Amino acid sequence: MSSANASCPRCGQAFHCGAADTEPCPCGTFTLSAATTQALRAQFNSCLCMRCLAQLQITPQIPTHITDKKKPAQS
């Protein structure tokens, strides 16, 4: 994600995305199942907030609230 100030595509909550920070992003501390990770990558173009990642770590599920569906690449 390129924006430090982001909106979670799963819940809509504003959050700070640390992917471009010099320190490791805190989202790297979460361990999600391979199936959950694959589903998230297929459905979202951007990072999820820490709250959603924490929920998915505790209760893995396929996201149902999608506001930022991944769009096909344009040629």
PDB file of N, CA and C in Angstrom:
ATOM      1  N   MET A   1       0.848  -1.171   0.000  1.00  0.00           N
ATOM      2  CA  MET A   1       0.000   0.000   0.000  1.00  0.00           C
ATOM      3  C   MET A   1       0.888   1.226   0.000  1.00  0.00           C
ATOM      4  N   SER A   2       0.527   2.227  -0.762  1.00  0.00           N
ATOM      5  CA  SER A   2       1.369   3.399  -0.892  1.00  0.00           C
ATOM      6  C   SER A   2       1.023   4.504   0.092  1.00  0.00           C
ATOM      7  N   SER A   3      -0.161   4.522   0.618  1.00  0.00           N
ATOM      8  CA  SER A   3      -0.587   5.613   1.493  1.00  0.00           C
ATOM      9  C   SER A   3      -0.405   5.244   2.958  1.00  0.00           C
ATOM     10  N   ALA A   4       0.265   6.130   3.711  1.00  0.00           N
ATOM     11  CA  ALA A   4       0.438   5.888   5.138  1.00  0.00           C
ATOM     12  C   ALA A   4      -0.892   6.038   5.871  1.00  0.00           C
ATOM     13  N   ASN A   5      -1.745   6.924   5.406  1.00  0.00           N
ATOM     14  CA  ASN A   5      -3.076   7.094   5.982  1.00  0.00           C
ATOM     15  C   ASN A   5      -4.056   6.390   5.064  1.00  0.00           C
ATOM     16  N   ALA A   6      -4.566   5.268   5.541  1.00  0.00           N
ATOM     17  CA  ALA A   6      -5.375   4.413   4.687  1.00  0.00           C
ATOM     18  C   ALA A   6      -6.742   4.160   5.306  1.00  0.00           C
ATOM     19  N   SER A   7      -7.595   3.542   4.516  1.00  0.00           N
ATOM     20  CA  SER A   7      -8.902   3.102   4.967  1.00  0.00           C
ATOM     21  C   SER A   7      -8.964   1.596   4.737  1.00  0.00           C
ATOM     22  N   CYS A   8      -9.327   0.852   5.754  1.00  0.00           N
ATOM     23  CA  CYS A   8      -9.385  -0.604   5.649  1.00  0.00           C
ATOM     24  C   CYS A   8     -10.495  -1.002   4.678  1.00  0.00           C
ATOM     25  N   PRO A   9     -10.179  -1.813   3.667  1.00  0.00           N
ATOM     26  CA  PRO A   9     -11.202  -2.217   2.707  1.00  0.00           C
ATOM     27  C   PRO A   9     -12.207  -3.213   3.285  1.00  0.00           C
ATOM     28  N   ARG A  10     -11.889  -3.807   4.416  1.00  0.00           N
ATOM     29  CA  ARG A  10     -12.792  -4.787   5.031  1.00  0.00           C
ATOM     30  C   ARG A  10     -13.819  -4.121   5.940  1.00  0.00           C
ATOM     31  N   CYS A  11     -13.381  -3.147   6.768  1.00  0.00           N
ATOM     32  CA  CYS A  11     -14.301  -2.536   7.741  1.00  0.00           C
ATOM     33  C   CYS A  11     -14.504  -1.040   7.530  1.00  0.00           C
ATOM     34  N   GLY A  12     -13.661  -0.402   6.719  1.00  0.00           N
ATOM     35  CA  GLY A  12     -13.793   1.021   6.448  1.00  0.00           C
ATOM     36  C   GLY A  12     -13.088   1.927   7.444  1.00  0.00           C
ATOM     37  N   GLN A  13     -12.493   1.361   8.479  1.00  0.00           N
ATOM     38  CA  GLN A  13     -11.804   2.130   9.520  1.00  0.00           C
ATOM     39  C   GLN A  13     -10.525   2.768   8.970  1.00  0.00           C
ATOM     40  N   ALA A  14     -10.276   4.021   9.327  1.00  0.00           N
ATOM     41  CA  ALA A  14      -9.025   4.684   8.966  1.00  0.00           C
ATOM     42  C   ALA A  14      -7.900   4.104   9.822  1.00  0.00           C
ATOM     43  N   PHE A  15      -6.711   3.950   9.235  1.00  0.00           N
ATOM     44  CA  PHE A  15      -5.563   3.434   9.978  1.00  0.00           C
ATOM     45  C   PHE A  15      -4.274   3.872   9.300  1.00  0.00           C
ATOM     46  N   HIS A  16      -3.164   3.700  10.007  1.00  0.00           N
ATOM     47  CA  HIS A  16      -1.852   4.015   9.452  1.00  0.00           C
ATOM     48  C   HIS A  16      -1.265   2.737   8.870  1.00  0.00           C
ATOM     49  N   CYS A  17      -1.005   2.733   7.576  1.00  0.00           N
ATOM     50  CA  CYS A  17      -0.362   1.597   6.924  1.00  0.00           C
ATOM     51  C   CYS A  17       1.147   1.800   7.028  1.00  0.00           C
ATOM     52  N   GLY A  18       1.841   0.857   7.617  1.00  0.00           N
ATOM     53  CA  GLY A  18       3.281   0.975   7.812  1.00  0.00           C
ATOM     54  C   GLY A  18       4.110   0.262   6.767  1.00  0.00           C
ATOM     55  N   ALA A  19       3.508  -0.165   5.663  1.00  0.00           N
ATOM     56  CA  ALA A  19       4.242  -0.918   4.645  1.00  0.00           C
ATOM     57  C   ALA A  19       5.412  -0.133   4.065  1.00  0.00           C
ATOM     58  N   ALA A  20       5.290   1.184   3.967  1.00  0.00           N
ATOM     59  CA  ALA A  20       6.360   1.997   3.385  1.00  0.00           C
ATOM     60  C   ALA A  20       7.277   2.600   4.447  1.00  0.00           C
ATOM     61  N   ASP A  21       7.033   2.320   5.724  1.00  0.00           N
ATOM     62  CA  ASP A  21       7.865   2.851   6.802  1.00  0.00           C
ATOM     63  C   ASP A  21       9.238   2.181   6.805  1.00  0.00           C
ATOM     64  N   THR A  22      10.195   2.820   7.458  1.00  0.00           N
ATOM     65  CA  THR A  22      11.538   2.240   7.543  1.00  0.00           C
ATOM     66  C   THR A  22      11.579   1.066   8.511  1.00  0.00           C
ATOM     67  N   GLU A  23      10.703   1.057   9.495  1.00  0.00           N
ATOM     68  CA  GLU A  23      10.600  -0.058  10.442  1.00  0.00           C
ATOM     69  C   GLU A  23       9.670  -1.124   9.854  1.00  0.00           C
ATOM     70  N   PRO A  24       9.810  -2.379  10.286  1.00  0.00           N
ATOM     71  CA  PRO A  24       8.879  -3.408   9.804  1.00  0.00           C
ATOM     72  C   PRO A  24       7.437  -3.058  10.171  1.00  0.00           C
ATOM     73  N   CYS A  25       6.540  -3.350   9.275  1.00  0.00           N
ATOM     74  CA  CYS A  25       5.120  -3.065   9.496  1.00  0.00           C
ATOM     75  C   CYS A  25       4.581  -3.972  10.602  1.00  0.00           C
ATOM     76  N   PRO A  26       3.806  -3.427  11.537  1.00  0.00           N
ATOM     77  CA  PRO A  26       3.249  -4.243  12.619  1.00  0.00           C
ATOM     78  C   PRO A  26       2.346  -5.372  12.122  1.00  0.00           C
ATOM     79  N   CYS A  27       1.798  -5.249  10.927  1.00  0.00           N
ATOM     80  CA  CYS A  27       0.910  -6.317  10.441  1.00  0.00           C
ATOM     81  C   CYS A  27       1.670  -7.626  10.245  1.00  0.00           C
ATOM     82  N   GLY A  28       3.001  -7.552  10.148  1.00  0.00           N
ATOM     83  CA  GLY A  28       3.814  -8.755  10.008  1.00  0.00           C
ATOM     84  C   GLY A  28       3.837  -9.616  11.257  1.00  0.00           C
ATOM     85  N   THR A  29       3.285  -9.113  12.352  1.00  0.00           N
ATOM     86  CA  THR A  29       3.251  -9.890  13.591  1.00  0.00           C
ATOM     87  C   THR A  29       2.071 -10.854  13.637  1.00  0.00           C
ATOM     88  N   PHE A  30       1.154 -10.743  12.696  1.00  0.00           N
ATOM     89  CA  PHE A  30      -0.013 -11.620  12.657  1.00  0.00           C
ATOM     90  C   PHE A  30       0.284 -12.852  11.818  1.00  0.00           C
ATOM     91  N   THR A  31      -0.259 -13.987  12.248  1.00  0.00           N
ATOM     92  CA  THR A  31      -0.126 -15.227  11.495  1.00  0.00           C
ATOM     93  C   THR A  31      -1.520 -15.644  11.046  1.00  0.00           C
ATOM     94  N   LEU A  32      -1.731 -15.599   9.738  1.00  0.00           N
ATOM     95  CA  LEU A  32      -3.017 -16.000   9.167  1.00  0.00           C
ATOM     96  C   LEU A  32      -2.840 -17.312   8.427  1.00  0.00           C
ATOM     97  N   SER A  33      -3.896 -18.082   8.338  1.00  0.00           N
ATOM     98  CA  SER A  33      -3.833 -19.342   7.602  1.00  0.00           C
ATOM     99  C   SER A  33      -3.574 -19.059   6.126  1.00  0.00           C
ATOM    100  N   ALA A  34      -3.039 -20.036   5.434  1.00  0.00           N
ATOM    101  CA  ALA A  34      -2.775 -19.883   4.002  1.00  0.00           C
ATOM    102  C   ALA A  34      -4.067 -19.603   3.243  1.00  0.00           C
ATOM    103  N   ALA A  35      -5.158 -20.267   3.630  1.00  0.00           N
ATOM    104  CA  ALA A  35      -6.443 -20.061   2.950  1.00  0.00           C
ATOM    105  C   ALA A  35      -6.955 -18.641   3.166  1.00  0.00           C
ATOM    106  N   THR A  36      -6.824 -18.131   4.390  1.00  0.00           N
ATOM    107  CA  THR A  36      -7.272 -16.769   4.676  1.00  0.00           C
ATOM    108  C   THR A  36      -6.430 -15.762   3.908  1.00  0.00           C
ATOM    109  N   THR A  37      -5.113 -15.945   3.929  1.00  0.00           N
ATOM    110  CA  THR A  37      -4.215 -15.044   3.206  1.00  0.00           C
ATOM    111  C   THR A  37      -4.535 -15.041   1.716  1.00  0.00           C
ATOM    112  N   GLN A  38      -4.751 -16.211   1.142  1.00  0.00           N
ATOM    113  CA  GLN A  38      -5.074 -16.319  -0.282  1.00  0.00           C
ATOM    114  C   GLN A  38      -6.396 -15.613  -0.592  1.00  0.00           C
ATOM    115  N   ALA A  39      -7.394 -15.802   0.248  1.00  0.00           N
ATOM    116  CA  ALA A  39      -8.695 -15.158   0.029  1.00  0.00           C
ATOM    117  C   ALA A  39      -8.576 -13.641   0.122  1.00  0.00           C
ATOM    118  N   LEU A  40      -7.805 -13.142   1.089  1.00  0.00           N
ATOM    119  CA  LEU A  40      -7.622 -11.697   1.234  1.00  0.00           C
ATOM    120  C   LEU A  40      -6.921 -11.106   0.021  1.00  0.00           C
ATOM    121  N   ARG A  41      -5.890 -11.776  -0.462  1.00  0.00           N
ATOM    122  CA  ARG A  41      -5.168 -11.289  -1.647  1.00  0.00           C
ATOM    123  C   ARG A  41      -6.054 -11.291  -2.885  1.00  0.00           C
ATOM    124  N   ALA A  42      -6.953 -12.257  -2.968  1.00  0.00           N
ATOM    125  CA  ALA A  42      -7.846 -12.336  -4.124  1.00  0.00           C
ATOM    126  C   ALA A  42      -8.937 -11.269  -4.080  1.00  0.00           C
ATOM    127  N   GLN A  43      -9.316 -10.825  -2.880  1.00  0.00           N
ATOM    128  CA  GLN A  43     -10.452  -9.919  -2.752  1.00  0.00           C
ATOM    129  C   GLN A  43     -10.094  -8.461  -2.527  1.00  0.00           C
ATOM    130  N   PHE A  44      -8.899  -8.177  -2.017  1.00  0.00           N
ATOM    131  CA  PHE A  44      -8.555  -6.800  -1.683  1.00  0.00           C
ATOM    132  C   PHE A  44      -7.278  -6.342  -2.366  1.00  0.00           C
ATOM    133  N   ASN A  45      -7.252  -5.065  -2.760  1.00  0.00           N
ATOM    134  CA  ASN A  45      -6.071  -4.446  -3.364  1.00  0.00           C
ATOM    135  C   ASN A  45      -5.156  -3.820  -2.334  1.00  0.00           C
ATOM    136  N   SER A  46      -5.651  -3.615  -1.138  1.00  0.00           N
ATOM    137  CA  SER A  46      -4.880  -2.856  -0.164  1.00  0.00           C
ATOM    138  C   SER A  46      -4.827  -3.568   1.181  1.00  0.00           C
ATOM    139  N   CYS A  47      -4.054  -2.990   2.079  1.00  0.00           N
ATOM    140  CA  CYS A  47      -3.838  -3.562   3.406  1.00  0.00           C
ATOM    141  C   CYS A  47      -5.091  -3.468   4.271  1.00  0.00           C
ATOM    142  N   LEU A  48      -5.201  -4.388   5.209  1.00  0.00           N
ATOM    143  CA  LEU A  48      -6.267  -4.359   6.197  1.00  0.00           C
ATOM    144  C   LEU A  48      -5.737  -3.743   7.485  1.00  0.00           C
ATOM    145  N   CYS A  49      -6.642  -3.190   8.278  1.00  0.00           N
ATOM    146  CA  CYS A  49      -6.249  -2.578   9.552  1.00  0.00           C
ATOM    147  C   CYS A  49      -5.861  -3.671  10.555  1.00  0.00           C
ATOM    148  N   MET A  50      -5.192  -3.244  11.619  1.00  0.00           N
ATOM    149  CA  MET A  50      -4.735  -4.174  12.648  1.00  0.00           C
ATOM    150  C   MET A  50      -5.914  -4.891  13.321  1.00  0.00           C
ATOM    151  N   ARG A  51      -7.018  -4.188  13.500  1.00  0.00           N
ATOM    152  CA  ARG A  51      -8.189  -4.795  14.138  1.00  0.00           C
ATOM    153  C   ARG A  51      -8.726  -5.963  13.306  1.00  0.00           C
ATOM    154  N   CYS A  52      -8.846  -5.755  11.999  1.00  0.00           N
ATOM    155  CA  CYS A  52      -9.340  -6.832  11.131  1.00  0.00           C
ATOM    156  C   CYS A  52      -8.351  -7.991  11.087  1.00  0.00           C
ATOM    157  N   LEU A  53      -7.056  -7.684  11.011  1.00  0.00           N
ATOM    158  CA  LEU A  53      -6.056  -8.750  11.003  1.00  0.00           C
ATOM    159  C   LEU A  53      -6.105  -9.557  12.298  1.00  0.00           C
ATOM    160  N   ALA A  54      -6.288  -8.875  13.422  1.00  0.00           N
ATOM    161  CA  ALA A  54      -6.389  -9.570  14.708  1.00  0.00           C
ATOM    162  C   ALA A  54      -7.622 -10.472  14.738  1.00  0.00           C
ATOM    163  N   GLN A  55      -8.741  -9.980  14.230  1.00  0.00           N
ATOM    164  CA  GLN A  55      -9.965 -10.786  14.192  1.00  0.00           C
ATOM    165  C   GLN A  55      -9.775 -12.014  13.310  1.00  0.00           C
ATOM    166  N   LEU A  56      -9.137 -11.830  12.160  1.00  0.00           N
ATOM    167  CA  LEU A  56      -8.942 -12.945  11.231  1.00  0.00           C
ATOM    168  C   LEU A  56      -7.933 -13.953  11.764  1.00  0.00           C
ATOM    169  N   GLN A  57      -7.012 -13.504  12.597  1.00  0.00           N
ATOM    170  CA  GLN A  57      -6.053 -14.426  13.202  1.00  0.00           C
ATOM    171  C   GLN A  57      -6.753 -15.313  14.230  1.00  0.00           C
ATOM    172  N   ILE A  58      -7.662 -14.719  14.999  1.00  0.00           N
ATOM    173  CA  ILE A  58      -8.385 -15.466  16.032  1.00  0.00           C
ATOM    174  C   ILE A  58      -9.468 -16.347  15.415  1.00  0.00           C
ATOM    175  N   THR A  59     -10.229 -15.792  14.481  1.00  0.00           N
ATOM    176  CA  THR A  59     -11.331 -16.505  13.837  1.00  0.00           C
ATOM    177  C   THR A  59     -11.167 -16.405  12.328  1.00  0.00           C
ATOM    178  N   PRO A  60     -10.367 -17.306  11.736  1.00  0.00           N
ATOM    179  CA  PRO A  60     -10.170 -17.249  10.284  1.00  0.00           C
ATOM    180  C   PRO A  60     -11.494 -17.408   9.549  1.00  0.00           C
ATOM    181  N   GLN A  61     -11.680 -16.551   8.580  1.00  0.00           N
ATOM    182  CA  GLN A  61     -12.898 -16.597   7.777  1.00  0.00           C
ATOM    183  C   GLN A  61     -12.648 -15.868   6.471  1.00  0.00           C
ATOM    184  N   ILE A  62     -13.462 -16.154   5.512  1.00  0.00           N
ATOM    185  CA  ILE A  62     -13.409 -15.421   4.260  1.00  0.00           C
ATOM    186  C   ILE A  62     -14.160 -14.118   4.492  1.00  0.00           C
ATOM    187  N   PRO A  63     -13.546 -12.973   4.175  1.00  0.00           N
ATOM    188  CA  PRO A  63     -14.221 -11.690   4.391  1.00  0.00           C
ATOM    189  C   PRO A  63     -15.543 -11.622   3.638  1.00  0.00           C
ATOM    190  N   THR A  64     -16.547 -11.027   4.271  1.00  0.00           N
ATOM    191  CA  THR A  64     -17.845 -10.900   3.625  1.00  0.00           C
ATOM    192  C   THR A  64     -18.189  -9.460   3.301  1.00  0.00           C
ATOM    193  N   HIS A  65     -17.567  -8.496   3.970  1.00  0.00           N
ATOM    194  CA  HIS A  65     -17.841  -7.076   3.724  1.00  0.00           C
ATOM    195  C   HIS A  65     -16.734  -6.535   2.828  1.00  0.00           C
ATOM    196  N   ILE A  66     -17.034  -6.389   1.555  1.00  0.00           N
ATOM    197  CA  ILE A  66     -16.012  -5.986   0.598  1.00  0.00           C
ATOM    198  C   ILE A  66     -16.347  -4.610   0.049  1.00  0.00           C
ATOM    199  N   THR A  67     -15.455  -3.638   0.295  1.00  0.00           N
ATOM    200  CA  THR A  67     -15.658  -2.295  -0.231  1.00  0.00           C
ATOM    201  C   THR A  67     -14.582  -1.917  -1.234  1.00  0.00           C
ATOM    202  N   ASP A  68     -13.540  -2.713  -1.339  1.00  0.00           N
ATOM    203  CA  ASP A  68     -12.413  -2.408  -2.213  1.00  0.00           C
ATOM    204  C   ASP A  68     -12.016  -3.674  -2.964  1.00  0.00           C
ATOM    205  N   LYS A  69     -12.922  -4.191  -3.784  1.00  0.00           N
ATOM    206  CA  LYS A  69     -12.626  -5.416  -4.514  1.00  0.00           C
ATOM    207  C   LYS A  69     -11.466  -5.194  -5.456  1.00  0.00           C
ATOM    208  N   LYS A  70     -10.680  -6.212  -5.598  1.00  0.00           N
ATOM    209  CA  LYS A  70      -9.554  -6.151  -6.508  1.00  0.00           C
ATOM    210  C   LYS A  70     -10.085  -6.024  -7.927  1.00  0.00           C
ATOM    211  N   LYS A  71      -9.534  -5.111  -8.665  1.00  0.00           N
ATOM    212  CA  LYS A  71      -9.952  -4.891 -10.043  1.00  0.00           C
ATOM    213  C   LYS A  71      -8.949  -5.540 -10.985  1.00  0.00           C
ATOM    214  N   PRO A  72      -9.403  -6.053 -12.127  1.00  0.00           N
ATOM    215  CA  PRO A  72      -8.469  -6.649 -13.081  1.00  0.00           C
ATOM    216  C   PRO A  72      -7.479  -5.603 -13.582  1.00  0.00           C
ATOM    217  N   ALA A  73      -6.279  -6.061 -13.863  1.00  0.00           N
ATOM    218  CA  ALA A  73      -5.248  -5.157 -14.389  1.00  0.00           C
ATOM    219  C   ALA A  73      -5.675  -4.617 -15.742  1.00  0.00           C
ATOM    220  N   GLN A  74      -5.419  -3.333 -15.949  1.00  0.00           N
ATOM    221  CA  GLN A  74      -5.757  -2.717 -17.232  1.00  0.00           C
ATOM    222  C   GLN A  74      -4.570  -2.830 -18.170  1.00  0.00           C
ATOM    223  N   SER A  75      -4.862  -3.114 -19.439  1.00  0.00           N
ATOM    224  CA  SER A  75      -3.772  -3.238 -20.410  1.00  0.00           C
ATOM    225  C   SER A  75      -3.569  -1.976 -21.187  1.00  0.00           C
TER     226      SER A  75
END
